[in-house]
Amino acid sequence: MLGAVERVRPKMMTVVAIMGGLVPILWSTGAGSELMQRIAVPMIGGMVSSTALTLIVIPAVYAAIKGWGLPPASARIE
């Protein structure tokens, strides 16, 4: 679980930098902009989905699987 916390800052820096470069392509109106917009839209969607997967889904699945095999708190010896 601590690995997800350590990955927040580097992941967000990468996503912001990439999306910052793709937004001008998405809003452009010059020659060839139609083709570039078709490339930029899936890349932005991929960055958003990969960020959610890395920071939310994978840690949640890991916690669910790891906690699945543990005995209930009342059965533990302290």
Protein backbone atom coordinates (compact mmCIF):
# COMPACT_ATOMS: atom_id res chain seq x y z
CA MET A 1 0.00 0.00 0.00
CA LEU A 2 2.87 2.38 0.65
CA GLY A 3 4.07 1.91 -2.90
CA ALA A 4 0.93 3.58 -4.23
CA VAL A 5 1.51 6.57 -1.97
CA GLU A 6 5.09 6.89 -3.18
CA ARG A 7 3.97 6.77 -6.83
CA VAL A 8 1.41 9.61 -6.62
CA ARG A 9 3.81 12.49 -7.20
CA PRO A 10 5.86 10.96 -10.07
CA LYS A 11 2.72 9.67 -11.79
CA MET A 12 0.92 13.01 -11.52
CA MET A 13 4.00 14.89 -12.80
CA THR A 14 4.16 12.60 -15.82
CA VAL A 15 0.43 12.87 -16.55
CA VAL A 16 0.37 16.67 -16.23
CA ALA A 17 3.41 17.04 -18.52
CA ILE A 18 2.00 14.76 -21.20
CA MET A 19 -1.49 16.25 -21.07
CA GLY A 20 0.01 19.75 -21.09
CA GLY A 21 1.65 18.87 -24.39
CA LEU A 22 -1.46 17.25 -25.86
CA VAL A 23 -3.99 19.98 -25.03
CA PRO A 24 -2.57 22.49 -27.57
CA ILE A 25 -2.71 19.77 -30.21
CA LEU A 26 -6.32 19.09 -29.27
CA TRP A 27 -7.28 22.78 -29.59
CA SER A 28 -5.29 23.55 -32.76
CA THR A 29 -7.02 24.64 -35.97
CA GLY A 30 -4.17 24.74 -38.48
CA ALA A 31 -3.23 22.46 -41.36
CA GLY A 32 -3.30 18.80 -40.37
CA SER A 33 -5.07 19.51 -37.09
CA GLU A 34 -7.90 17.07 -37.89
CA LEU A 35 -5.47 14.17 -38.00
CA MET A 36 -3.56 15.24 -34.90
CA GLN A 37 -6.77 15.69 -32.91
CA ARG A 38 -7.72 12.11 -33.69
CA ILE A 39 -4.38 11.04 -32.24
CA ALA A 40 -4.49 13.31 -29.17
CA VAL A 41 -7.96 12.34 -27.90
CA PRO A 42 -7.17 8.62 -27.28
CA MET A 43 -3.82 9.54 -25.75
CA ILE A 44 -5.49 11.86 -23.24
CA GLY A 45 -8.07 9.16 -22.43
CA GLY A 46 -5.29 6.62 -21.98
CA MET A 47 -3.42 8.89 -19.61
CA VAL A 48 -6.53 9.44 -17.49
CA SER A 49 -7.40 5.74 -17.39
CA SER A 50 -3.83 4.62 -16.66
CA THR A 51 -3.61 7.13 -13.81
CA ALA A 52 -6.85 5.84 -12.28
CA LEU A 53 -5.70 2.25 -12.73
CA THR A 54 -2.28 2.83 -11.18
CA LEU A 55 -3.36 4.97 -8.24
CA ILE A 56 -6.82 3.57 -7.38
CA VAL A 57 -7.71 0.20 -8.91
CA ILE A 58 -4.48 -1.78 -8.50
CA PRO A 59 -3.93 -0.80 -4.82
CA ALA A 60 -7.59 -1.57 -4.04
CA VAL A 61 -7.39 -5.01 -5.68
CA TYR A 62 -4.11 -5.72 -3.89
CA ALA A 63 -5.61 -4.76 -0.53
CA ALA A 64 -8.66 -6.91 -1.17
CA ILE A 65 -6.59 -9.96 -2.13
CA LYS A 66 -4.07 -9.50 0.68
CA GLY A 67 -6.79 -8.97 3.29
CA TRP A 68 -8.82 -11.91 2.00
CA GLY A 69 -6.62 -14.55 3.63
CA LEU A 70 -6.27 -12.84 7.00
CA PRO A 71 -8.31 -14.11 9.94
CA PRO A 72 -10.95 -11.77 11.40
CA ALA A 73 -9.73 -9.28 14.00
CA SER A 74 -11.61 -11.09 16.80
CA ALA A 75 -9.74 -14.35 16.11
CA ARG A 76 -6.25 -12.81 16.20
CA ILE A 77 -4.04 -13.32 19.23
CA GLU A 78 -2.51 -10.11 20.46
